[in-house]
């Protein structure tokens, strides 16, 4: 399996990088981005590692990544990353 990013997830990751570089420096932003990409690859290899949250609409899988969460669904042979959101956001109200 591989992974694909939704438009919103792509925007989330760009924002994380820009904000991280501004707050913590470009080297830290690069490390965070590289670790995030590795985590996405692991999720693609083990797509059912995260529990499906059927209480949310639509049902999604949630995987924690440091201070963020990765919101995704299994989509055929791939996983579709819907969002990468800060864990303190009200992501349960609108997971997409």
PDB file of N, CA and C in Angstrom:
ATOM      1  N   UNK A   1       0.844  -1.187   0.000  1.00  0.00           N
ATOM      2  CA  UNK A   1       0.000   0.000   0.000  1.00  0.00           C
ATOM      3  C   UNK A   1       0.881   1.239   0.000  1.00  0.00           C
ATOM      4  N   UNK A   2       0.315   2.278  -0.557  1.00  0.00           N
ATOM      5  CA  UNK A   2       0.955   3.585  -0.524  1.00  0.00           C
ATOM      6  C   UNK A   2       0.033   4.566   0.172  1.00  0.00           C
ATOM      7  N   UNK A   3       0.425   5.825   0.164  1.00  0.00           N
ATOM      8  CA  UNK A   3      -0.460   6.836   0.724  1.00  0.00           C
ATOM      9  C   UNK A   3      -0.593   8.000  -0.243  1.00  0.00           C
ATOM     10  N   UNK A   4      -1.749   8.612  -0.161  1.00  0.00           N
ATOM     11  CA  UNK A   4      -2.034   9.819  -0.933  1.00  0.00           C
ATOM     12  C   UNK A   4      -2.481  10.895   0.045  1.00  0.00           C
ATOM     13  N   UNK A   5      -2.225  12.140  -0.307  1.00  0.00           N
ATOM     14  CA  UNK A   5      -2.634  13.270   0.523  1.00  0.00           C
ATOM     15  C   UNK A   5      -3.818  13.976  -0.112  1.00  0.00           C
ATOM     16  N   UNK A   6      -4.818  14.268   0.700  1.00  0.00           N
ATOM     17  CA  UNK A   6      -5.893  15.132   0.213  1.00  0.00           C
ATOM     18  C   UNK A   6      -5.330  16.546   0.076  1.00  0.00           C
ATOM     19  N   UNK A   7      -6.053  17.400  -0.604  1.00  0.00           N
ATOM     20  CA  UNK A   7      -5.631  18.796  -0.743  1.00  0.00           C
ATOM     21  C   UNK A   7      -5.461  19.433   0.629  1.00  0.00           C
ATOM     22  N   UNK A   8      -6.414  19.178   1.531  1.00  0.00           N
ATOM     23  CA  UNK A   8      -6.346  19.761   2.873  1.00  0.00           C
ATOM     24  C   UNK A   8      -5.147  19.221   3.654  1.00  0.00           C
ATOM     25  N   UNK A   9      -4.865  17.935   3.524  1.00  0.00           N
ATOM     26  CA  UNK A   9      -3.705  17.362   4.219  1.00  0.00           C
ATOM     27  C   UNK A   9      -2.415  17.978   3.695  1.00  0.00           C
ATOM     28  N   UNK A  10      -2.335  18.163   2.388  1.00  0.00           N
ATOM     29  CA  UNK A  10      -1.161  18.797   1.792  1.00  0.00           C
ATOM     30  C   UNK A  10      -0.998  20.212   2.343  1.00  0.00           C
ATOM     31  N   UNK A  11      -2.097  20.954   2.424  1.00  0.00           N
ATOM     32  CA  UNK A  11      -2.057  22.309   2.985  1.00  0.00           C
ATOM     33  C   UNK A  11      -1.654  22.272   4.456  1.00  0.00           C
ATOM     34  N   UNK A  12      -2.175  21.294   5.206  1.00  0.00           N
ATOM     35  CA  UNK A  12      -1.812  21.152   6.624  1.00  0.00           C
ATOM     36  C   UNK A  12      -0.307  20.958   6.780  1.00  0.00           C
ATOM     37  N   UNK A  13       0.260  20.090   5.969  1.00  0.00           N
ATOM     38  CA  UNK A  13       1.686  19.770   6.080  1.00  0.00           C
ATOM     39  C   UNK A  13       2.542  20.974   5.701  1.00  0.00           C
ATOM     40  N   UNK A  14       2.143  21.688   4.676  1.00  0.00           N
ATOM     41  CA  UNK A  14       2.874  22.906   4.298  1.00  0.00           C
ATOM     42  C   UNK A  14       2.826  23.914   5.442  1.00  0.00           C
ATOM     43  N   UNK A  15       1.649  24.095   6.026  1.00  0.00           N
ATOM     44  CA  UNK A  15       1.495  25.044   7.133  1.00  0.00           C
ATOM     45  C   UNK A  15       2.354  24.617   8.331  1.00  0.00           C
ATOM     46  N   UNK A  16       2.350  23.305   8.639  1.00  0.00           N
ATOM     47  CA  UNK A  16       3.184  22.802   9.737  1.00  0.00           C
ATOM     48  C   UNK A  16       4.654  23.123   9.501  1.00  0.00           C
ATOM     49  N   UNK A  17       5.098  22.941   8.281  1.00  0.00           N
ATOM     50  CA  UNK A  17       6.500  23.198   7.962  1.00  0.00           C
ATOM     51  C   UNK A  17       6.824  24.680   8.118  1.00  0.00           C
ATOM     52  N   UNK A  18       5.999  25.523   7.532  1.00  0.00           N
ATOM     53  CA  UNK A  18       6.250  26.969   7.576  1.00  0.00           C
ATOM     54  C   UNK A  18       6.219  27.481   9.015  1.00  0.00           C
ATOM     55  N   UNK A  19       5.191  27.089   9.763  1.00  0.00           N
ATOM     56  CA  UNK A  19       5.086  27.531  11.158  1.00  0.00           C
ATOM     57  C   UNK A  19       6.222  26.954  12.002  1.00  0.00           C
ATOM     58  N   UNK A  20       6.558  25.698  11.773  1.00  0.00           N
ATOM     59  CA  UNK A  20       7.655  25.072  12.511  1.00  0.00           C
ATOM     60  C   UNK A  20       8.987  25.744  12.232  1.00  0.00           C
ATOM     61  N   UNK A  21       9.235  26.073  10.968  1.00  0.00           N
ATOM     62  CA  UNK A  21      10.479  26.760  10.613  1.00  0.00           C
ATOM     63  C   UNK A  21      10.533  28.132  11.271  1.00  0.00           C
ATOM     64  N   UNK A  22       9.396  28.817  11.317  1.00  0.00           N
ATOM     65  CA  UNK A  22       9.353  30.135  11.943  1.00  0.00           C
ATOM     66  C   UNK A  22       9.573  30.079  13.444  1.00  0.00           C
ATOM     67  N   UNK A  23       9.020  29.074  14.097  1.00  0.00           N
ATOM     68  CA  UNK A  23       9.113  28.972  15.556  1.00  0.00           C
ATOM     69  C   UNK A  23      10.376  28.268  16.041  1.00  0.00           C
ATOM     70  N   UNK A  24      10.801  27.230  15.326  1.00  0.00           N
ATOM     71  CA  UNK A  24      11.870  26.365  15.836  1.00  0.00           C
ATOM     72  C   UNK A  24      13.093  26.288  14.927  1.00  0.00           C
ATOM     73  N   UNK A  25      13.030  26.914  13.772  1.00  0.00           N
ATOM     74  CA  UNK A  25      14.144  26.879  12.833  1.00  0.00           C
ATOM     75  C   UNK A  25      13.920  25.857  11.731  1.00  0.00           C
ATOM     76  N   UNK A  26      14.590  26.105  10.624  1.00  0.00           N
ATOM     77  CA  UNK A  26      14.396  25.259   9.447  1.00  0.00           C
ATOM     78  C   UNK A  26      14.889  23.829   9.665  1.00  0.00           C
ATOM     79  N   UNK A  27      15.975  23.661  10.401  1.00  0.00           N
ATOM     80  CA  UNK A  27      16.497  22.306  10.634  1.00  0.00           C
ATOM     81  C   UNK A  27      15.479  21.459  11.397  1.00  0.00           C
ATOM     82  N   UNK A  28      14.844  22.044  12.407  1.00  0.00           N
ATOM     83  CA  UNK A  28      13.833  21.307  13.172  1.00  0.00           C
ATOM     84  C   UNK A  28      12.613  21.010  12.304  1.00  0.00           C
ATOM     85  N   UNK A  29      12.210  21.976  11.474  1.00  0.00           N
ATOM     86  CA  UNK A  29      11.073  21.760  10.577  1.00  0.00           C
ATOM     87  C   UNK A  29      11.371  20.619   9.611  1.00  0.00           C
ATOM     88  N   UNK A  30      12.592  20.538   9.117  1.00  0.00           N
ATOM     89  CA  UNK A  30      12.996  19.449   8.216  1.00  0.00           C
ATOM     90  C   UNK A  30      12.919  18.094   8.927  1.00  0.00           C
ATOM     91  N   UNK A  31      13.391  18.044  10.176  1.00  0.00           N
ATOM     92  CA  UNK A  31      13.343  16.784  10.930  1.00  0.00           C
ATOM     93  C   UNK A  31      11.899  16.352  11.183  1.00  0.00           C
ATOM     94  N   UNK A  32      11.066  17.319  11.556  1.00  0.00           N
ATOM     95  CA  UNK A  32       9.661  17.014  11.838  1.00  0.00           C
ATOM     96  C   UNK A  32       8.982  16.483  10.576  1.00  0.00           C
ATOM     97  N   UNK A  33       9.239  17.156   9.450  1.00  0.00           N
ATOM     98  CA  UNK A  33       8.662  16.742   8.170  1.00  0.00           C
ATOM     99  C   UNK A  33       9.136  15.333   7.796  1.00  0.00           C
ATOM    100  N   UNK A  34      10.427  15.062   7.953  1.00  0.00           N
ATOM    101  CA  UNK A  34      10.964  13.736   7.616  1.00  0.00           C
ATOM    102  C   UNK A  34      10.339  12.660   8.506  1.00  0.00           C
ATOM    103  N   UNK A  35      10.199  12.946   9.793  1.00  0.00           N
ATOM    104  CA  UNK A  35       9.570  11.985  10.707  1.00  0.00           C
ATOM    105  C   UNK A  35       8.102  11.763  10.354  1.00  0.00           C
ATOM    106  N   UNK A  36       7.419  12.824   9.970  1.00  0.00           N
ATOM    107  CA  UNK A  36       6.019  12.701   9.559  1.00  0.00           C
ATOM    108  C   UNK A  36       5.911  11.816   8.320  1.00  0.00           C
ATOM    109  N   UNK A  37       6.763  12.036   7.331  1.00  0.00           N
ATOM    110  CA  UNK A  37       6.734  11.216   6.113  1.00  0.00           C
ATOM    111  C   UNK A  37       7.007   9.741   6.437  1.00  0.00           C
ATOM    112  N   UNK A  38       7.931   9.487   7.349  1.00  0.00           N
ATOM    113  CA  UNK A  38       8.200   8.097   7.756  1.00  0.00           C
ATOM    114  C   UNK A  38       6.966   7.488   8.418  1.00  0.00           C
ATOM    115  N   UNK A  39       6.303   8.266   9.254  1.00  0.00           N
ATOM    116  CA  UNK A  39       5.095   7.776   9.921  1.00  0.00           C
ATOM    117  C   UNK A  39       4.005   7.476   8.905  1.00  0.00           C
ATOM    118  N   UNK A  40       3.850   8.324   7.901  1.00  0.00           N
ATOM    119  CA  UNK A  40       2.851   8.082   6.857  1.00  0.00           C
ATOM    120  C   UNK A  40       3.176   6.795   6.094  1.00  0.00           C
ATOM    121  N   UNK A  41       4.446   6.551   5.846  1.00  0.00           N
ATOM    122  CA  UNK A  41       4.851   5.319   5.158  1.00  0.00           C
ATOM    123  C   UNK A  41       4.558   4.084   6.006  1.00  0.00           C
ATOM    124  N   UNK A  42       4.778   4.188   7.313  1.00  0.00           N
ATOM    125  CA  UNK A  42       4.464   3.069   8.212  1.00  0.00           C
ATOM    126  C   UNK A  42       2.963   2.810   8.209  1.00  0.00           C
ATOM    127  N   UNK A  43       2.165   3.870   8.259  1.00  0.00           N
ATOM    128  CA  UNK A  43       0.707   3.698   8.214  1.00  0.00           C
ATOM    129  C   UNK A  43       0.274   3.055   6.899  1.00  0.00           C
ATOM    130  N   UNK A  44       0.928   3.425   5.810  1.00  0.00           N
ATOM    131  CA  UNK A  44       0.601   2.815   4.519  1.00  0.00           C
ATOM    132  C   UNK A  44       0.922   1.319   4.536  1.00  0.00           C
ATOM    133  N   UNK A  45       1.997   0.945   5.213  1.00  0.00           N
ATOM    134  CA  UNK A  45       2.371  -0.470   5.307  1.00  0.00           C
ATOM    135  C   UNK A  45       1.449  -1.242   6.249  1.00  0.00           C
ATOM    136  N   UNK A  46       0.938  -0.556   7.267  1.00  0.00           N
ATOM    137  CA  UNK A  46       0.060  -1.173   8.269  1.00  0.00           C
ATOM    138  C   UNK A  46      -1.198  -0.316   8.421  1.00  0.00           C
ATOM    139  N   UNK A  47      -2.051  -0.290   7.412  1.00  0.00           N
ATOM    140  CA  UNK A  47      -3.180   0.652   7.399  1.00  0.00           C
ATOM    141  C   UNK A  47      -4.208   0.438   8.502  1.00  0.00           C
ATOM    142  N   UNK A  48      -4.254  -0.755   9.055  1.00  0.00           N
ATOM    143  CA  UNK A  48      -5.247  -1.026  10.096  1.00  0.00           C
ATOM    144  C   UNK A  48      -4.656  -0.906  11.501  1.00  0.00           C
ATOM    145  N   UNK A  49      -3.476  -0.311  11.599  1.00  0.00           N
ATOM    146  CA  UNK A  49      -2.827  -0.125  12.902  1.00  0.00           C
ATOM    147  C   UNK A  49      -3.641   0.798  13.801  1.00  0.00           C
ATOM    148  N   UNK A  50      -4.294   1.766  13.215  1.00  0.00           N
ATOM    149  CA  UNK A  50      -5.116   2.701  13.994  1.00  0.00           C
ATOM    150  C   UNK A  50      -6.570   2.242  13.952  1.00  0.00           C
ATOM    151  N   UNK A  51      -7.217   2.373  15.083  1.00  0.00           N
ATOM    152  CA  UNK A  51      -8.624   1.982  15.196  1.00  0.00           C
ATOM    153  C   UNK A  51      -9.496   2.904  14.342  1.00  0.00           C
ATOM    154  N   UNK A  52     -10.513   2.324  13.731  1.00  0.00           N
ATOM    155  CA  UNK A  52     -11.485   3.138  13.001  1.00  0.00           C
ATOM    156  C   UNK A  52     -12.463   3.745  14.008  1.00  0.00           C
ATOM    157  N   UNK A  53     -12.637   5.042  13.918  1.00  0.00           N
ATOM    158  CA  UNK A  53     -13.549   5.764  14.814  1.00  0.00           C
ATOM    159  C   UNK A  53     -14.915   5.868  14.142  1.00  0.00           C
ATOM    160  N   UNK A  54     -15.736   4.845  14.364  1.00  0.00           N
ATOM    161  CA  UNK A  54     -17.055   4.805  13.733  1.00  0.00           C
ATOM    162  C   UNK A  54     -18.025   5.785  14.371  1.00  0.00           C
ATOM    163  N   UNK A  55     -17.665   6.324  15.536  1.00  0.00           N
ATOM    164  CA  UNK A  55     -18.529   7.316  16.173  1.00  0.00           C
ATOM    165  C   UNK A  55     -18.426   8.678  15.486  1.00  0.00           C
ATOM    166  N   UNK A  56     -17.413   8.851  14.641  1.00  0.00           N
ATOM    167  CA  UNK A  56     -17.253  10.096  13.890  1.00  0.00           C
ATOM    168  C   UNK A  56     -17.901   9.944  12.526  1.00  0.00           C
ATOM    169  N   UNK A  57     -18.339  11.029  11.988  1.00  0.00           N
ATOM    170  CA  UNK A  57     -18.928  11.038  10.650  1.00  0.00           C
ATOM    171  C   UNK A  57     -18.145  11.964   9.766  1.00  0.00           C
ATOM    172  N   UNK A  58     -17.568  11.442   8.731  1.00  0.00           N
ATOM    173  CA  UNK A  58     -17.516  10.034   8.344  1.00  0.00           C
ATOM    174  C   UNK A  58     -16.534   9.268   9.237  1.00  0.00           C
ATOM    175  N   UNK A  59     -16.665   7.934   9.290  1.00  0.00           N
ATOM    176  CA  UNK A  59     -15.714   7.142  10.072  1.00  0.00           C
ATOM    177  C   UNK A  59     -14.287   7.325   9.531  1.00  0.00           C
ATOM    178  N   UNK A  60     -13.346   7.555  10.414  1.00  0.00           N
ATOM    179  CA  UNK A  60     -11.949   7.777  10.027  1.00  0.00           C
ATOM    180  C   UNK A  60     -11.037   7.032  10.996  1.00  0.00           C
ATOM    181  N   UNK A  61      -9.802   6.875  10.601  1.00  0.00           N
ATOM    182  CA  UNK A  61      -8.773   6.318  11.476  1.00  0.00           C
ATOM    183  C   UNK A  61      -7.903   7.480  11.956  1.00  0.00           C
ATOM    184  N   UNK A  62      -7.499   7.413  13.216  1.00  0.00           N
ATOM    185  CA  UNK A  62      -6.721   8.480  13.838  1.00  0.00           C
ATOM    186  C   UNK A  62      -5.429   7.878  14.378  1.00  0.00           C
ATOM    187  N   UNK A  63      -4.307   8.470  13.990  1.00  0.00           N
ATOM    188  CA  UNK A  63      -3.012   8.023  14.508  1.00  0.00           C
ATOM    189  C   UNK A  63      -2.282   9.230  15.087  1.00  0.00           C
ATOM    190  N   UNK A  64      -1.846   9.146  16.348  1.00  0.00           N
ATOM    191  CA  UNK A  64      -1.122  10.277  16.929  1.00  0.00           C
ATOM    192  C   UNK A  64       0.286  10.393  16.351  1.00  0.00           C
ATOM    193  N   UNK A  65       0.712  11.619  16.161  1.00  0.00           N
ATOM    194  CA  UNK A  65       2.089  11.905  15.745  1.00  0.00           C
ATOM    195  C   UNK A  65       2.549  13.138  16.509  1.00  0.00           C
ATOM    196  N   UNK A  66       3.335  12.912  17.537  1.00  0.00           N
ATOM    197  CA  UNK A  66       3.822  13.976  18.417  1.00  0.00           C
ATOM    198  C   UNK A  66       2.653  14.832  18.888  1.00  0.00           C
ATOM    199  N   UNK A  67       2.638  16.128  18.568  1.00  0.00           N
ATOM    200  CA  UNK A  67       1.538  16.982  19.035  1.00  0.00           C
ATOM    201  C   UNK A  67       0.412  17.077  18.008  1.00  0.00           C
ATOM    202  N   UNK A  68       0.471  16.251  16.988  1.00  0.00           N
ATOM    203  CA  UNK A  68      -0.542  16.270  15.933  1.00  0.00           C
ATOM    204  C   UNK A  68      -1.237  14.914  15.836  1.00  0.00           C
ATOM    205  N   UNK A  69      -2.283  14.874  15.051  1.00  0.00           N
ATOM    206  CA  UNK A  69      -2.947  13.616  14.733  1.00  0.00           C
ATOM    207  C   UNK A  69      -3.045  13.502  13.216  1.00  0.00           C
ATOM    208  N   UNK A  70      -2.950  12.294  12.753  1.00  0.00           N
ATOM    209  CA  UNK A  70      -3.101  12.002  11.328  1.00  0.00           C
ATOM    210  C   UNK A  70      -4.474  11.372  11.160  1.00  0.00           C
ATOM    211  N   UNK A  71      -5.295  11.993  10.331  1.00  0.00           N
ATOM    212  CA  UNK A  71      -6.652  11.515  10.060  1.00  0.00           C
ATOM    213  C   UNK A  71      -6.623  10.871   8.676  1.00  0.00           C
ATOM    214  N   UNK A  72      -7.026   9.600   8.602  1.00  0.00           N
ATOM    215  CA  UNK A  72      -6.962   8.925   7.308  1.00  0.00           C
ATOM    216  C   UNK A  72      -8.055   7.875   7.165  1.00  0.00           C
ATOM    217  N   UNK A  73      -8.237   7.437   5.923  1.00  0.00           N
ATOM    218  CA  UNK A  73      -9.142   6.339   5.602  1.00  0.00           C
ATOM    219  C   UNK A  73      -8.394   5.365   4.697  1.00  0.00           C
ATOM    220  N   UNK A  74      -8.788   4.103   4.764  1.00  0.00           N
ATOM    221  CA  UNK A  74      -8.268   3.108   3.826  1.00  0.00           C
ATOM    222  C   UNK A  74      -9.091   3.259   2.558  1.00  0.00           C
ATOM    223  N   UNK A  75      -8.402   3.443   1.440  1.00  0.00           N
ATOM    224  CA  UNK A  75      -9.062   3.732   0.169  1.00  0.00           C
ATOM    225  C   UNK A  75      -8.508   2.791  -0.898  1.00  0.00           C
ATOM    226  N   UNK A  76      -9.140   1.635  -1.033  1.00  0.00           N
ATOM    227  CA  UNK A  76      -8.671   0.656  -2.010  1.00  0.00           C
ATOM    228  C   UNK A  76      -7.321   0.106  -1.607  1.00  0.00           C
ATOM    229  N   UNK A  77      -6.340   0.262  -2.466  1.00  0.00           N
ATOM    230  CA  UNK A  77      -4.990  -0.244  -2.215  1.00  0.00           C
ATOM    231  C   UNK A  77      -4.109   0.749  -1.472  1.00  0.00           C
ATOM    232  N   UNK A  78      -4.628   1.921  -1.189  1.00  0.00           N
ATOM    233  CA  UNK A  78      -3.853   2.977  -0.538  1.00  0.00           C
ATOM    234  C   UNK A  78      -4.564   3.464   0.706  1.00  0.00           C
ATOM    235  N   UNK A  79      -3.880   4.337   1.439  1.00  0.00           N
ATOM    236  CA  UNK A  79      -4.572   5.106   2.460  1.00  0.00           C
ATOM    237  C   UNK A  79      -4.615   6.543   1.965  1.00  0.00           C
ATOM    238  N   UNK A  80      -5.697   7.201   2.279  1.00  0.00           N
ATOM    239  CA  UNK A  80      -5.863   8.604   1.925  1.00  0.00           C
ATOM    240  C   UNK A  80      -5.744   9.402   3.209  1.00  0.00           C
ATOM    241  N   UNK A  81      -4.723  10.235   3.277  1.00  0.00           N
ATOM    242  CA  UNK A  81      -4.528  11.108   4.430  1.00  0.00           C
ATOM    243  C   UNK A  81      -5.450  12.299   4.236  1.00  0.00           C
ATOM    244  N   UNK A  82      -6.424  12.423   5.130  1.00  0.00           N
ATOM    245  CA  UNK A  82      -7.405  13.501   5.009  1.00  0.00           C
ATOM    246  C   UNK A  82      -6.897  14.798   5.613  1.00  0.00           C
ATOM    247  N   UNK A  83      -6.302  14.692   6.812  1.00  0.00           N
ATOM    248  CA  UNK A  83      -5.824  15.885   7.516  1.00  0.00           C
ATOM    249  C   UNK A  83      -4.651  15.507   8.412  1.00  0.00           C
ATOM    250  N   UNK A  84      -3.849  16.492   8.738  1.00  0.00           N
ATOM    251  CA  UNK A  84      -2.842  16.394   9.792  1.00  0.00           C
ATOM    252  C   UNK A  84      -3.103  17.597  10.679  1.00  0.00           C
ATOM    253  N   UNK A  85      -3.710  17.344  11.833  1.00  0.00           N
ATOM    254  CA  UNK A  85      -4.200  18.437  12.673  1.00  0.00           C
ATOM    255  C   UNK A  85      -3.549  18.401  14.044  1.00  0.00           C
ATOM    256  N   UNK A  86      -3.517  19.566  14.662  1.00  0.00           N
ATOM    257  CA  UNK A  86      -2.983  19.629  16.021  1.00  0.00           C
ATOM    258  C   UNK A  86      -3.940  18.883  16.938  1.00  0.00           C
ATOM    259  N   UNK A  87      -3.396  18.128  17.861  1.00  0.00           N
ATOM    260  CA  UNK A  87      -4.221  17.304  18.745  1.00  0.00           C
ATOM    261  C   UNK A  87      -5.152  18.136  19.620  1.00  0.00           C
ATOM    262  N   UNK A  88      -4.818  19.409  19.859  1.00  0.00           N
ATOM    263  CA  UNK A  88      -5.663  20.257  20.697  1.00  0.00           C
ATOM    264  C   UNK A  88      -6.798  20.929  19.923  1.00  0.00           C
ATOM    265  N   UNK A  89      -6.781  20.820  18.601  1.00  0.00           N
ATOM    266  CA  UNK A  89      -7.883  21.363  17.800  1.00  0.00           C
ATOM    267  C   UNK A  89      -9.151  20.553  18.054  1.00  0.00           C
ATOM    268  N   UNK A  90     -10.279  21.129  17.716  1.00  0.00           N
ATOM    269  CA  UNK A  90     -11.552  20.405  17.811  1.00  0.00           C
ATOM    270  C   UNK A  90     -11.740  19.590  16.529  1.00  0.00           C
ATOM    271  N   UNK A  91     -10.853  18.637  16.317  1.00  0.00           N
ATOM    272  CA  UNK A  91     -10.865  17.851  15.083  1.00  0.00           C
ATOM    273  C   UNK A  91     -12.011  16.854  15.048  1.00  0.00           C
ATOM    274  N   UNK A  92     -12.564  16.511  16.206  1.00  0.00           N
ATOM    275  CA  UNK A  92     -13.659  15.539  16.227  1.00  0.00           C
ATOM    276  C   UNK A  92     -14.930  16.112  15.624  1.00  0.00           C
ATOM    277  N   UNK A  93     -15.095  17.412  15.727  1.00  0.00           N
ATOM    278  CA  UNK A  93     -16.281  18.052  15.158  1.00  0.00           C
ATOM    279  C   UNK A  93     -16.271  17.958  13.634  1.00  0.00           C
ATOM    280  N   UNK A  94     -15.091  18.113  13.050  1.00  0.00           N
ATOM    281  CA  UNK A  94     -14.960  18.070  11.592  1.00  0.00           C
ATOM    282  C   UNK A  94     -13.641  17.385  11.237  1.00  0.00           C
ATOM    283  N   UNK A  95     -13.621  16.049  11.218  1.00  0.00           N
ATOM    284  CA  UNK A  95     -12.362  15.344  10.971  1.00  0.00           C
ATOM    285  C   UNK A  95     -11.816  15.522   9.559  1.00  0.00           C
ATOM    286  N   UNK A  96     -12.621  15.982   8.652  1.00  0.00           N
ATOM    287  CA  UNK A  96     -12.139  16.181   7.282  1.00  0.00           C
ATOM    288  C   UNK A  96     -11.777  17.620   7.100  1.00  0.00           C
TER     289      UNK A  96
END
